[in-house]
């Protein structure tokens, strides 16, 4: 087992867990013609 991922459909929050640590990421939808996701970290910084 390499890692574990939990995704909340309502809040678009992703929790990643592995031996390398735990991280939270947030998805924000952008674009209508060319849809994309912007990824921010636990502190709201786009990464």
ModelCIF file with pLDDT and N, C-alpha, C, O atoms, coordinates in Angstrom:
data_MODEL
#
_entry.id   MODEL 
#
_entity.id                         1 
_entity.type                       polymer 
_entity.pdbx_number_of_molecules   1 
#
_entity_poly.entity_id                      1 
_entity_poly.type                           'polypeptide(L)' 
_entity_poly.nstd_linkage                   no 
_entity_poly.nstd_monomer                   no 
_entity_poly.pdbx_seq_one_letter_code       
;(UNK)(UNK)(UNK)(UNK)(UNK)(UNK)(UNK)(UNK)(UNK)(UNK)(UNK)(UNK)(UNK)(UNK)(UNK)(UNK)
(UNK)(UNK)(UNK)(UNK)(UNK)(UNK)(UNK)(UNK)(UNK)(UNK)(UNK)(UNK)(UNK)(UNK)(UNK)(UNK)
(UNK)(UNK)(UNK)(UNK)(UNK)(UNK)(UNK)(UNK)(UNK)(UNK)(UNK)(UNK)(UNK)(UNK)(UNK)
;
_entity_poly.pdbx_seq_one_letter_code_can   XXXXXXXXXXXXXXXXXXXXXXXXXXXXXXXXXXXXXXXXXXXXXXX 
_entity_poly.pdbx_strand_id                 A 
#
loop_
_entity_poly_seq.entity_id 
_entity_poly_seq.num 
_entity_poly_seq.mon_id 
_entity_poly_seq.hetero 
1 1  UNK n 
1 2  UNK n 
1 3  UNK n 
1 4  UNK n 
1 5  UNK n 
1 6  UNK n 
1 7  UNK n 
1 8  UNK n 
1 9  UNK n 
1 10 UNK n 
1 11 UNK n 
1 12 UNK n 
1 13 UNK n 
1 14 UNK n 
1 15 UNK n 
1 16 UNK n 
1 17 UNK n 
1 18 UNK n 
1 19 UNK n 
1 20 UNK n 
1 21 UNK n 
1 22 UNK n 
1 23 UNK n 
1 24 UNK n 
1 25 UNK n 
1 26 UNK n 
1 27 UNK n 
1 28 UNK n 
1 29 UNK n 
1 30 UNK n 
1 31 UNK n 
1 32 UNK n 
1 33 UNK n 
1 34 UNK n 
1 35 UNK n 
1 36 UNK n 
1 37 UNK n 
1 38 UNK n 
1 39 UNK n 
1 40 UNK n 
1 41 UNK n 
1 42 UNK n 
1 43 UNK n 
1 44 UNK n 
1 45 UNK n 
1 46 UNK n 
1 47 UNK n 
#
_struct_asym.id          A 
_struct_asym.entity_id   1 
#
loop_
_ma_qa_metric.id 
_ma_qa_metric.mode 
_ma_qa_metric.name 
_ma_qa_metric.software_group_id 
_ma_qa_metric.type 
1 global pLDDT . pLDDT 
2 local  pLDDT . pLDDT 
#
_ma_qa_metric_global.metric_id      1 
_ma_qa_metric_global.metric_value   88.85 
_ma_qa_metric_global.model_id       1 
_ma_qa_metric_global.ordinal_id     1 
#
loop_
_ma_qa_metric_local.label_asym_id 
_ma_qa_metric_local.label_comp_id 
_ma_qa_metric_local.label_seq_id 
_ma_qa_metric_local.metric_id 
_ma_qa_metric_local.metric_value 
_ma_qa_metric_local.model_id 
_ma_qa_metric_local.ordinal_id 
A UNK 1  2 90.00 1 1  
A UNK 2  2 87.00 1 2  
A UNK 3  2 88.00 1 3  
A UNK 4  2 92.00 1 4  
A UNK 5  2 91.00 1 5  
A UNK 6  2 91.00 1 6  
A UNK 7  2 90.00 1 7  
A UNK 8  2 89.00 1 8  
A UNK 9  2 83.00 1 9  
A UNK 10 2 86.00 1 10 
A UNK 11 2 88.00 1 11 
A UNK 12 2 87.00 1 12 
A UNK 13 2 91.00 1 13 
A UNK 14 2 92.00 1 14 
A UNK 15 2 93.00 1 15 
A UNK 16 2 91.00 1 16 
A UNK 17 2 91.00 1 17 
A UNK 18 2 87.00 1 18 
A UNK 19 2 84.00 1 19 
A UNK 20 2 82.00 1 20 
A UNK 21 2 85.00 1 21 
A UNK 22 2 90.00 1 22 
A UNK 23 2 90.00 1 23 
A UNK 24 2 93.00 1 24 
A UNK 25 2 93.00 1 25 
A UNK 26 2 93.00 1 26 
A UNK 27 2 91.00 1 27 
A UNK 28 2 91.00 1 28 
A UNK 29 2 87.00 1 29 
A UNK 30 2 88.00 1 30 
A UNK 31 2 82.00 1 31 
A UNK 32 2 78.00 1 32 
A UNK 33 2 75.00 1 33 
A UNK 34 2 77.00 1 34 
A UNK 35 2 79.00 1 35 
A UNK 36 2 86.00 1 36 
A UNK 37 2 91.00 1 37 
A UNK 38 2 94.00 1 38 
A UNK 39 2 93.00 1 39 
A UNK 40 2 95.00 1 40 
A UNK 41 2 92.00 1 41 
A UNK 42 2 91.00 1 42 
A UNK 43 2 93.00 1 43 
A UNK 44 2 93.00 1 44 
A UNK 45 2 95.00 1 45 
A UNK 46 2 95.00 1 46 
A UNK 47 2 93.00 1 47 
#
loop_
_atom_site.group_PDB 
_atom_site.id 
_atom_site.type_symbol 
_atom_site.label_atom_id 
_atom_site.label_alt_id 
_atom_site.label_comp_id 
_atom_site.label_asym_id 
_atom_site.label_entity_id 
_atom_site.label_seq_id 
_atom_site.pdbx_PDB_ins_code 
_atom_site.Cartn_x 
_atom_site.Cartn_y 
_atom_site.Cartn_z 
_atom_site.occupancy 
_atom_site.B_iso_or_equiv 
_atom_site.pdbx_formal_charge 
_atom_site.auth_seq_id 
_atom_site.auth_comp_id 
_atom_site.auth_asym_id 
_atom_site.auth_atom_id 
_atom_site.pdbx_PDB_model_num 
ATOM 1   N N  . UNK A 1 1  ? 0.855   -1.177 0.000   1.00 90.00 ? 1  UNK A N  1 
ATOM 2   C CA . UNK A 1 1  ? 0.000   0.000  0.000   1.00 90.00 ? 1  UNK A CA 1 
ATOM 3   C C  . UNK A 1 1  ? 0.896   1.232  0.000   1.00 90.00 ? 1  UNK A C  1 
ATOM 4   O O  . UNK A 1 1  ? 1.711   1.428  0.901   1.00 90.00 ? 1  UNK A O  1 
ATOM 5   N N  . UNK A 1 2  ? 0.726   2.063  -1.036  1.00 87.00 ? 2  UNK A N  1 
ATOM 6   C CA . UNK A 1 2  ? 1.565   3.252  -1.172  1.00 87.00 ? 2  UNK A CA 1 
ATOM 7   C C  . UNK A 1 2  ? 0.964   4.482  -0.513  1.00 87.00 ? 2  UNK A C  1 
ATOM 8   O O  . UNK A 1 2  ? 1.677   5.284  0.091   1.00 87.00 ? 2  UNK A O  1 
ATOM 9   N N  . UNK A 1 3  ? -0.366  4.628  -0.633  1.00 88.00 ? 3  UNK A N  1 
ATOM 10  C CA . UNK A 1 3  ? -0.984  5.861  -0.145  1.00 88.00 ? 3  UNK A CA 1 
ATOM 11  C C  . UNK A 1 3  ? -2.488  5.683  0.001   1.00 88.00 ? 3  UNK A C  1 
ATOM 12  O O  . UNK A 1 3  ? -3.071  4.697  -0.451  1.00 88.00 ? 3  UNK A O  1 
ATOM 13  N N  . UNK A 1 4  ? -3.097  6.681  0.652   1.00 92.00 ? 4  UNK A N  1 
ATOM 14  C CA . UNK A 1 4  ? -4.534  6.705  0.887   1.00 92.00 ? 4  UNK A CA 1 
ATOM 15  C C  . UNK A 1 4  ? -5.047  8.102  0.509   1.00 92.00 ? 4  UNK A C  1 
ATOM 16  O O  . UNK A 1 4  ? -4.430  9.111  0.850   1.00 92.00 ? 4  UNK A O  1 
ATOM 17  N N  . UNK A 1 5  ? -6.186  8.145  -0.202  1.00 91.00 ? 5  UNK A N  1 
ATOM 18  C CA . UNK A 1 5  ? -6.780  9.398  -0.652  1.00 91.00 ? 5  UNK A CA 1 
ATOM 19  C C  . UNK A 1 5  ? -8.228  9.446  -0.198  1.00 91.00 ? 5  UNK A C  1 
ATOM 20  O O  . UNK A 1 5  ? -8.958  8.464  -0.337  1.00 91.00 ? 5  UNK A O  1 
ATOM 21  N N  . UNK A 1 6  ? -8.652  10.589 0.349   1.00 91.00 ? 6  UNK A N  1 
ATOM 22  C CA . UNK A 1 6  ? -10.056 10.821 0.665   1.00 91.00 ? 6  UNK A CA 1 
ATOM 23  C C  . UNK A 1 6  ? -10.481 12.094 -0.052  1.00 91.00 ? 6  UNK A C  1 
ATOM 24  O O  . UNK A 1 6  ? -9.803  13.119 0.019   1.00 91.00 ? 6  UNK A O  1 
ATOM 25  N N  . UNK A 1 7  ? -11.621 12.013 -0.749  1.00 90.00 ? 7  UNK A N  1 
ATOM 26  C CA . UNK A 1 7  ? -12.125 13.135 -1.522  1.00 90.00 ? 7  UNK A CA 1 
ATOM 27  C C  . UNK A 1 7  ? -13.533 13.465 -1.055  1.00 90.00 ? 7  UNK A C  1 
ATOM 28  O O  . UNK A 1 7  ? -14.398 12.589 -1.020  1.00 90.00 ? 7  UNK A O  1 
ATOM 29  N N  . UNK A 1 8  ? -13.772 14.737 -0.692  1.00 89.00 ? 8  UNK A N  1 
ATOM 30  C CA . UNK A 1 8  ? -15.093 15.191 -0.295  1.00 89.00 ? 8  UNK A CA 1 
ATOM 31  C C  . UNK A 1 8  ? -15.754 15.850 -1.494  1.00 89.00 ? 8  UNK A C  1 
ATOM 32  O O  . UNK A 1 8  ? -15.272 16.867 -1.993  1.00 89.00 ? 8  UNK A O  1 
ATOM 33  N N  . UNK A 1 9  ? -16.853 15.276 -1.955  1.00 83.00 ? 9  UNK A N  1 
ATOM 34  C CA . UNK A 1 9  ? -17.524 15.770 -3.166  1.00 83.00 ? 9  UNK A CA 1 
ATOM 35  C C  . UNK A 1 9  ? -18.103 17.167 -2.983  1.00 83.00 ? 9  UNK A C  1 
ATOM 36  O O  . UNK A 1 9  ? -18.101 17.965 -3.920  1.00 83.00 ? 9  UNK A O  1 
ATOM 37  N N  . UNK A 1 10 ? -18.592 17.467 -1.800  1.00 86.00 ? 10 UNK A N  1 
ATOM 38  C CA . UNK A 1 10 ? -19.235 18.756 -1.560  1.00 86.00 ? 10 UNK A CA 1 
ATOM 39  C C  . UNK A 1 10 ? -18.227 19.902 -1.485  1.00 86.00 ? 10 UNK A C  1 
ATOM 40  O O  . UNK A 1 10 ? -18.407 20.935 -2.130  1.00 86.00 ? 10 UNK A O  1 
ATOM 41  N N  . UNK A 1 11 ? -17.180 19.718 -0.705  1.00 88.00 ? 11 UNK A N  1 
ATOM 42  C CA . UNK A 1 11 ? -16.210 20.788 -0.479  1.00 88.00 ? 11 UNK A CA 1 
ATOM 43  C C  . UNK A 1 11 ? -15.051 20.776 -1.472  1.00 88.00 ? 11 UNK A C  1 
ATOM 44  O O  . UNK A 1 11 ? -14.281 21.734 -1.529  1.00 88.00 ? 11 UNK A O  1 
ATOM 45  N N  . UNK A 1 12 ? -14.916 19.689 -2.266  1.00 87.00 ? 12 UNK A N  1 
ATOM 46  C CA . UNK A 1 12 ? -13.813 19.542 -3.216  1.00 87.00 ? 12 UNK A CA 1 
ATOM 47  C C  . UNK A 1 12 ? -12.461 19.541 -2.501  1.00 87.00 ? 12 UNK A C  1 
ATOM 48  O O  . UNK A 1 12 ? -11.479 20.079 -3.013  1.00 87.00 ? 12 UNK A O  1 
ATOM 49  N N  . UNK A 1 13 ? -12.422 18.928 -1.310  1.00 91.00 ? 13 UNK A N  1 
ATOM 50  C CA . UNK A 1 13 ? -11.195 18.819 -0.528  1.00 91.00 ? 13 UNK A CA 1 
ATOM 51  C C  . UNK A 1 13 ? -10.616 17.419 -0.710  1.00 91.00 ? 13 UNK A C  1 
ATOM 52  O O  . UNK A 1 13 ? -11.334 16.421 -0.655  1.00 91.00 ? 13 UNK A O  1 
ATOM 53  N N  . UNK A 1 14 ? -9.304  17.370 -0.926  1.00 92.00 ? 14 UNK A N  1 
ATOM 54  C CA . UNK A 1 14 ? -8.595  16.111 -1.107  1.00 92.00 ? 14 UNK A CA 1 
ATOM 55  C C  . UNK A 1 14 ? -7.607  15.960 0.045   1.00 92.00 ? 14 UNK A C  1 
ATOM 56  O O  . UNK A 1 14 ? -6.811  16.861 0.306   1.00 92.00 ? 14 UNK A O  1 
ATOM 57  N N  . UNK A 1 15 ? -7.658  14.825 0.733   1.00 93.00 ? 15 UNK A N  1 
ATOM 58  C CA . UNK A 1 15 ? -6.722  14.533 1.819   1.00 93.00 ? 15 UNK A CA 1 
ATOM 59  C C  . UNK A 1 15 ? -5.850  13.376 1.369   1.00 93.00 ? 15 UNK A C  1 
ATOM 60  O O  . UNK A 1 15 ? -6.354  12.294 1.069   1.00 93.00 ? 15 UNK A O  1 
ATOM 61  N N  . UNK A 1 16 ? -4.536  13.603 1.321   1.00 91.00 ? 16 UNK A N  1 
ATOM 62  C CA . UNK A 1 16 ? -3.574  12.593 0.894   1.00 91.00 ? 16 UNK A CA 1 
ATOM 63  C C  . UNK A 1 16 ? -2.739  12.164 2.084   1.00 91.00 ? 16 UNK A C  1 
ATOM 64  O O  . UNK A 1 16 ? -2.247  12.996 2.846   1.00 91.00 ? 16 UNK A O  1 
ATOM 65  N N  . UNK A 1 17 ? -2.582  10.845 2.236   1.00 91.00 ? 17 UNK A N  1 
ATOM 66  C CA . UNK A 1 17 ? -1.794  10.316 3.350   1.00 91.00 ? 17 UNK A CA 1 
ATOM 67  C C  . UNK A 1 17 ? -0.849  9.248  2.815   1.00 91.00 ? 17 UNK A C  1 
ATOM 68  O O  . UNK A 1 17 ? -1.258  8.339  2.093   1.00 91.00 ? 17 UNK A O  1 
ATOM 69  N N  . UNK A 1 18 ? 0.422   9.375  3.183   1.00 87.00 ? 18 UNK A N  1 
ATOM 70  C CA . UNK A 1 18 ? 1.412   8.351  2.862   1.00 87.00 ? 18 UNK A CA 1 
ATOM 71  C C  . UNK A 1 18 ? 2.499   8.431  3.932   1.00 87.00 ? 18 UNK A C  1 
ATOM 72  O O  . UNK A 1 18 ? 2.398   9.221  4.870   1.00 87.00 ? 18 UNK A O  1 
ATOM 73  N N  . UNK A 1 19 ? 3.533   7.613  3.787   1.00 84.00 ? 19 UNK A N  1 
ATOM 74  C CA . UNK A 1 19 ? 4.660   7.695  4.718   1.00 84.00 ? 19 UNK A CA 1 
ATOM 75  C C  . UNK A 1 19 ? 5.386   9.036  4.620   1.00 84.00 ? 19 UNK A C  1 
ATOM 76  O O  . UNK A 1 19 ? 6.188   9.381  5.489   1.00 84.00 ? 19 UNK A O  1 
ATOM 77  N N  . UNK A 1 20 ? 5.104   9.776  3.574   1.00 82.00 ? 20 UNK A N  1 
ATOM 78  C CA . UNK A 1 20 ? 5.761   11.063 3.358   1.00 82.00 ? 20 UNK A CA 1 
ATOM 79  C C  . UNK A 1 20 ? 4.998   12.224 3.964   1.00 82.00 ? 20 UNK A C  1 
ATOM 80  O O  . UNK A 1 20 ? 5.391   13.381 3.821   1.00 82.00 ? 20 UNK A O  1 
ATOM 81  N N  . UNK A 1 21 ? 3.903   11.910 4.644   1.00 85.00 ? 21 UNK A N  1 
ATOM 82  C CA . UNK A 1 21 ? 3.149   12.952 5.310   1.00 85.00 ? 21 UNK A CA 1 
ATOM 83  C C  . UNK A 1 21 ? 1.700   12.994 4.878   1.00 85.00 ? 21 UNK A C  1 
ATOM 84  O O  . UNK A 1 21 ? 1.232   12.197 4.065   1.00 85.00 ? 21 UNK A O  1 
ATOM 85  N N  . UNK A 1 22 ? 1.009   13.965 5.462   1.00 90.00 ? 22 UNK A N  1 
ATOM 86  C CA . UNK A 1 22 ? -0.392  14.203 5.135   1.00 90.00 ? 22 UNK A CA 1 
ATOM 87  C C  . UNK A 1 22 ? -0.493  15.579 4.507   1.00 90.00 ? 22 UNK A C  1 
ATOM 88  O O  . UNK A 1 22 ? 0.174   16.522 4.934   1.00 90.00 ? 22 UNK A O  1 
ATOM 89  N N  . UNK A 1 23 ? -1.338  15.687 3.485   1.00 90.00 ? 23 UNK A N  1 
ATOM 90  C CA . UNK A 1 23 ? -1.550  16.974 2.830   1.00 90.00 ? 23 UNK A CA 1 
ATOM 91  C C  . UNK A 1 23 ? -3.022  17.160 2.549   1.00 90.00 ? 23 UNK A C  1 
ATOM 92  O O  . UNK A 1 23 ? -3.757  16.196 2.330   1.00 90.00 ? 23 UNK A O  1 
ATOM 93  N N  . UNK A 1 24 ? -3.444  18.413 2.557   1.00 93.00 ? 24 UNK A N  1 
ATOM 94  C CA . UNK A 1 24 ? -4.789  18.783 2.137   1.00 93.00 ? 24 UNK A CA 1 
ATOM 95  C C  . UNK A 1 24 ? -4.668  19.657 0.899   1.00 93.00 ? 24 UNK A C  1 
ATOM 96  O O  . UNK A 1 24 ? -3.831  20.557 0.833   1.00 93.00 ? 24 UNK A O  1 
ATOM 97  N N  . UNK A 1 25 ? -5.511  19.378 -0.068  1.00 93.00 ? 25 UNK A N  1 
ATOM 98  C CA . UNK A 1 25 ? -5.557  20.184 -1.272  1.00 93.00 ? 25 UNK A CA 1 
ATOM 99  C C  . UNK A 1 25 ? -7.007  20.537 -1.552  1.00 93.00 ? 25 UNK A C  1 
ATOM 100 O O  . UNK A 1 25 ? -7.922  19.795 -1.196  1.00 93.00 ? 25 UNK A O  1 
ATOM 101 N N  . UNK A 1 26 ? -7.202  21.679 -2.193  1.00 93.00 ? 26 UNK A N  1 
ATOM 102 C CA . UNK A 1 26 ? -8.535  22.149 -2.532  1.00 93.00 ? 26 UNK A CA 1 
ATOM 103 C C  . UNK A 1 26 ? -8.605  22.375 -4.036  1.00 93.00 ? 26 UNK A C  1 
ATOM 104 O O  . UNK A 1 26 ? -7.686  22.939 -4.631  1.00 93.00 ? 26 UNK A O  1 
ATOM 105 N N  . UNK A 1 27 ? -9.698  21.932 -4.646  1.00 91.00 ? 27 UNK A N  1 
ATOM 106 C CA . UNK A 1 27 ? -9.928  22.154 -6.068  1.00 91.00 ? 27 UNK A CA 1 
ATOM 107 C C  . UNK A 1 27 ? -10.886 23.318 -6.244  1.00 91.00 ? 27 UNK A C  1 
ATOM 108 O O  . UNK A 1 27 ? -11.886 23.426 -5.535  1.00 91.00 ? 27 UNK A O  1 
ATOM 109 N N  . UNK A 1 28 ? -10.572 24.189 -7.198  1.00 91.00 ? 28 UNK A N  1 
ATOM 110 C CA . UNK A 1 28 ? -11.473 25.279 -7.577  1.00 91.00 ? 28 UNK A CA 1 
ATOM 111 C C  . UNK A 1 28 ? -11.656 25.220 -9.084  1.00 91.00 ? 28 UNK A C  1 
ATOM 112 O O  . UNK A 1 28 ? -10.684 25.266 -9.838  1.00 91.00 ? 28 UNK A O  1 
ATOM 113 N N  . UNK A 1 29 ? -12.896 25.118 -9.517  1.00 87.00 ? 29 UNK A N  1 
ATOM 114 C CA . UNK A 1 29 ? -13.191 25.019 -10.946 1.00 87.00 ? 29 UNK A CA 1 
ATOM 115 C C  . UNK A 1 29 ? -13.060 26.385 -11.595 1.00 87.00 ? 29 UNK A C  1 
ATOM 116 O O  . UNK A 1 29 ? -13.507 27.395 -11.051 1.00 87.00 ? 29 UNK A O  1 
ATOM 117 N N  . UNK A 1 30 ? -12.436 26.400 -12.772 1.00 88.00 ? 30 UNK A N  1 
ATOM 118 C CA . UNK A 1 30 ? -12.260 27.627 -13.550 1.00 88.00 ? 30 UNK A CA 1 
ATOM 119 C C  . UNK A 1 30 ? -12.529 27.319 -15.015 1.00 88.00 ? 30 UNK A C  1 
ATOM 120 O O  . UNK A 1 30 ? -12.305 26.198 -15.471 1.00 88.00 ? 30 UNK A O  1 
ATOM 121 N N  . UNK A 1 31 ? -13.010 28.319 -15.751 1.00 82.00 ? 31 UNK A N  1 
ATOM 122 C CA . UNK A 1 31 ? -13.179 28.206 -17.190 1.00 82.00 ? 31 UNK A CA 1 
ATOM 123 C C  . UNK A 1 31 ? -14.480 27.555 -17.610 1.00 82.00 ? 31 UNK A C  1 
ATOM 124 O O  . UNK A 1 31 ? -14.961 26.617 -16.975 1.00 82.00 ? 31 UNK A O  1 
ATOM 125 N N  . UNK A 1 32 ? -15.032 28.063 -18.680 1.00 78.00 ? 32 UNK A N  1 
ATOM 126 C CA . UNK A 1 32 ? -16.253 27.497 -19.241 1.00 78.00 ? 32 UNK A CA 1 
ATOM 127 C C  . UNK A 1 32 ? -15.931 26.762 -20.540 1.00 78.00 ? 32 UNK A C  1 
ATOM 128 O O  . UNK A 1 32 ? -16.306 25.603 -20.713 1.00 78.00 ? 32 UNK A O  1 
ATOM 129 N N  . UNK A 1 33 ? -15.246 27.432 -21.437 1.00 75.00 ? 33 UNK A N  1 
ATOM 130 C CA . UNK A 1 33 ? -14.902 26.821 -22.717 1.00 75.00 ? 33 UNK A CA 1 
ATOM 131 C C  . UNK A 1 33 ? -13.808 25.770 -22.534 1.00 75.00 ? 33 UNK A C  1 
ATOM 132 O O  . UNK A 1 33 ? -13.884 24.680 -23.101 1.00 75.00 ? 33 UNK A O  1 
ATOM 133 N N  . UNK A 1 34 ? -12.810 26.100 -21.753 1.00 77.00 ? 34 UNK A N  1 
ATOM 134 C CA . UNK A 1 34 ? -11.715 25.172 -21.479 1.00 77.00 ? 34 UNK A CA 1 
ATOM 135 C C  . UNK A 1 34 ? -11.678 24.923 -19.966 1.00 77.00 ? 34 UNK A C  1 
ATOM 136 O O  . UNK A 1 34 ? -10.897 25.558 -19.257 1.00 77.00 ? 34 UNK A O  1 
ATOM 137 N N  . UNK A 1 35 ? -12.523 23.996 -19.461 1.00 79.00 ? 35 UNK A N  1 
ATOM 138 C CA . UNK A 1 35 ? -12.594 23.786 -18.012 1.00 79.00 ? 35 UNK A CA 1 
ATOM 139 C C  . UNK A 1 35 ? -11.277 23.259 -17.445 1.00 79.00 ? 35 UNK A C  1 
ATOM 140 O O  . UNK A 1 35 ? -10.590 22.447 -18.065 1.00 79.00 ? 35 UNK A O  1 
ATOM 141 N N  . UNK A 1 36 ? -10.951 23.739 -16.268 1.00 86.00 ? 36 UNK A N  1 
ATOM 142 C CA . UNK A 1 36 ? -9.734  23.305 -15.583 1.00 86.00 ? 36 UNK A CA 1 
ATOM 143 C C  . UNK A 1 36 ? -9.958  23.404 -14.082 1.00 86.00 ? 36 UNK A C  1 
ATOM 144 O O  . UNK A 1 36 ? -10.923 24.015 -13.624 1.00 86.00 ? 36 UNK A O  1 
ATOM 145 N N  . UNK A 1 37 ? -9.071  22.808 -13.338 1.00 91.00 ? 37 UNK A N  1 
ATOM 146 C CA . UNK A 1 37 ? -9.105  22.890 -11.883 1.00 91.00 ? 37 UNK A CA 1 
ATOM 147 C C  . UNK A 1 37 ? -7.854  23.599 -11.402 1.00 91.00 ? 37 UNK A C  1 
ATOM 148 O O  . UNK A 1 37 ? -6.748  23.287 -11.845 1.00 91.00 ? 37 UNK A O  1 
ATOM 149 N N  . UNK A 1 38 ? -8.023  24.539 -10.509 1.00 94.00 ? 38 UNK A N  1 
ATOM 150 C CA . UNK A 1 38 ? -6.910  25.186 -9.834  1.00 94.00 ? 38 UNK A CA 1 
ATOM 151 C C  . UNK A 1 38 ? -6.740  24.460 -8.504  1.00 94.00 ? 38 UNK A C  1 
ATOM 152 O O  . UNK A 1 38 ? -7.720  24.182 -7.813  1.00 94.00 ? 38 UNK A O  1 
ATOM 153 N N  . UNK A 1 39 ? -5.505  24.156 -8.150  1.00 93.00 ? 39 UNK A N  1 
ATOM 154 C CA . UNK A 1 39 ? -5.207  23.411 -6.930  1.00 93.00 ? 39 UNK A CA 1 
ATOM 155 C C  . UNK A 1 39 ? -4.551  24.353 -5.933  1.00 93.00 ? 39 UNK A C  1 
ATOM 156 O O  . UNK A 1 39 ? -3.542  24.988 -6.238  1.00 93.00 ? 39 UNK A O  1 
ATOM 157 N N  . UNK A 1 40 ? -5.136  24.441 -4.724  1.00 95.00 ? 40 UNK A N  1 
ATOM 158 C CA . UNK A 1 40 ? -4.529  25.235 -3.656  1.00 95.00 ? 40 UNK A CA 1 
ATOM 159 C C  . UNK A 1 40 ? -4.165  24.304 -2.505  1.00 95.00 ? 40 UNK A C  1 
ATOM 160 O O  . UNK A 1 40 ? -4.739  23.226 -2.353  1.00 95.00 ? 40 UNK A O  1 
ATOM 161 N N  . UNK A 1 41 ? -3.211  24.735 -1.708  1.00 92.00 ? 41 UNK A N  1 
ATOM 162 C CA . UNK A 1 41 ? -2.790  23.915 -0.575  1.00 92.00 ? 41 UNK A CA 1 
ATOM 163 C C  . UNK A 1 41 ? -3.568  24.279 0.688   1.00 92.00 ? 41 UNK A C  1 
ATOM 164 O O  . UNK A 1 41 ? -4.559  25.006 0.629   1.00 92.00 ? 41 UNK A O  1 
ATOM 165 N N  . UNK A 1 42 ? -3.113  23.770 1.821   1.00 91.00 ? 42 UNK A N  1 
ATOM 166 C CA . UNK A 1 42 ? -3.774  23.969 3.105   1.00 91.00 ? 42 UNK A CA 1 
ATOM 167 C C  . UNK A 1 42 ? -3.897  25.435 3.494   1.00 91.00 ? 42 UNK A C  1 
ATOM 168 O O  . UNK A 1 42 ? -4.770  25.811 4.276   1.00 91.00 ? 42 UNK A O  1 
ATOM 169 N N  . UNK A 1 43 ? -3.013  26.258 2.939   1.00 93.00 ? 43 UNK A N  1 
ATOM 170 C CA . UNK A 1 43 ? -2.959  27.665 3.304   1.00 93.00 ? 43 UNK A CA 1 
ATOM 171 C C  . UNK A 1 43 ? -3.623  28.575 2.273   1.00 93.00 ? 43 UNK A C  1 
ATOM 172 O O  . UNK A 1 43 ? -3.546  29.799 2.380   1.00 93.00 ? 43 UNK A O  1 
ATOM 173 N N  . UNK A 1 44 ? -4.266  27.985 1.288   1.00 93.00 ? 44 UNK A N  1 
ATOM 174 C CA . UNK A 1 44 ? -4.955  28.758 0.264   1.00 93.00 ? 44 UNK A CA 1 
ATOM 175 C C  . UNK A 1 44 ? -4.063  29.279 -0.845  1.00 93.00 ? 44 UNK A C  1 
ATOM 176 O O  . UNK A 1 44 ? -4.491  30.115 -1.642  1.00 93.00 ? 44 UNK A O  1 
ATOM 177 N N  . UNK A 1 45 ? -2.838  28.804 -0.909  1.00 95.00 ? 45 UNK A N  1 
ATOM 178 C CA . UNK A 1 45 ? -1.885  29.245 -1.925  1.00 95.00 ? 45 UNK A CA 1 
ATOM 179 C C  . UNK A 1 45 ? -1.995  28.337 -3.142  1.00 95.00 ? 45 UNK A C  1 
ATOM 180 O O  . UNK A 1 45 ? -1.973  27.113 -3.014  1.00 95.00 ? 45 UNK A O  1 
ATOM 181 N N  . UNK A 1 46 ? -2.114  28.936 -4.316  1.00 95.00 ? 46 UNK A N  1 
ATOM 182 C CA . UNK A 1 46 ? -2.199  28.131 -5.535  1.00 95.00 ? 46 UNK A CA 1 
ATOM 183 C C  . UNK A 1 46 ? -0.867  27.451 -5.785  1.00 95.00 ? 46 UNK A C  1 
ATOM 184 O O  . UNK A 1 46 ? 0.178   28.098 -5.854  1.00 95.00 ? 46 UNK A O  1 
ATOM 185 N N  . UNK A 1 47 ? -0.926  26.111 -5.920  1.00 93.00 ? 47 UNK A N  1 
ATOM 186 C CA . UNK A 1 47 ? 0.300   25.351 -6.146  1.00 93.00 ? 47 UNK A CA 1 
ATOM 187 C C  . UNK A 1 47 ? 0.262   24.546 -7.438  1.00 93.00 ? 47 UNK A C  1 
ATOM 188 O O  . UNK A 1 47 ? 1.227   23.854 -7.763  1.00 93.00 ? 47 UNK A O  1 
#
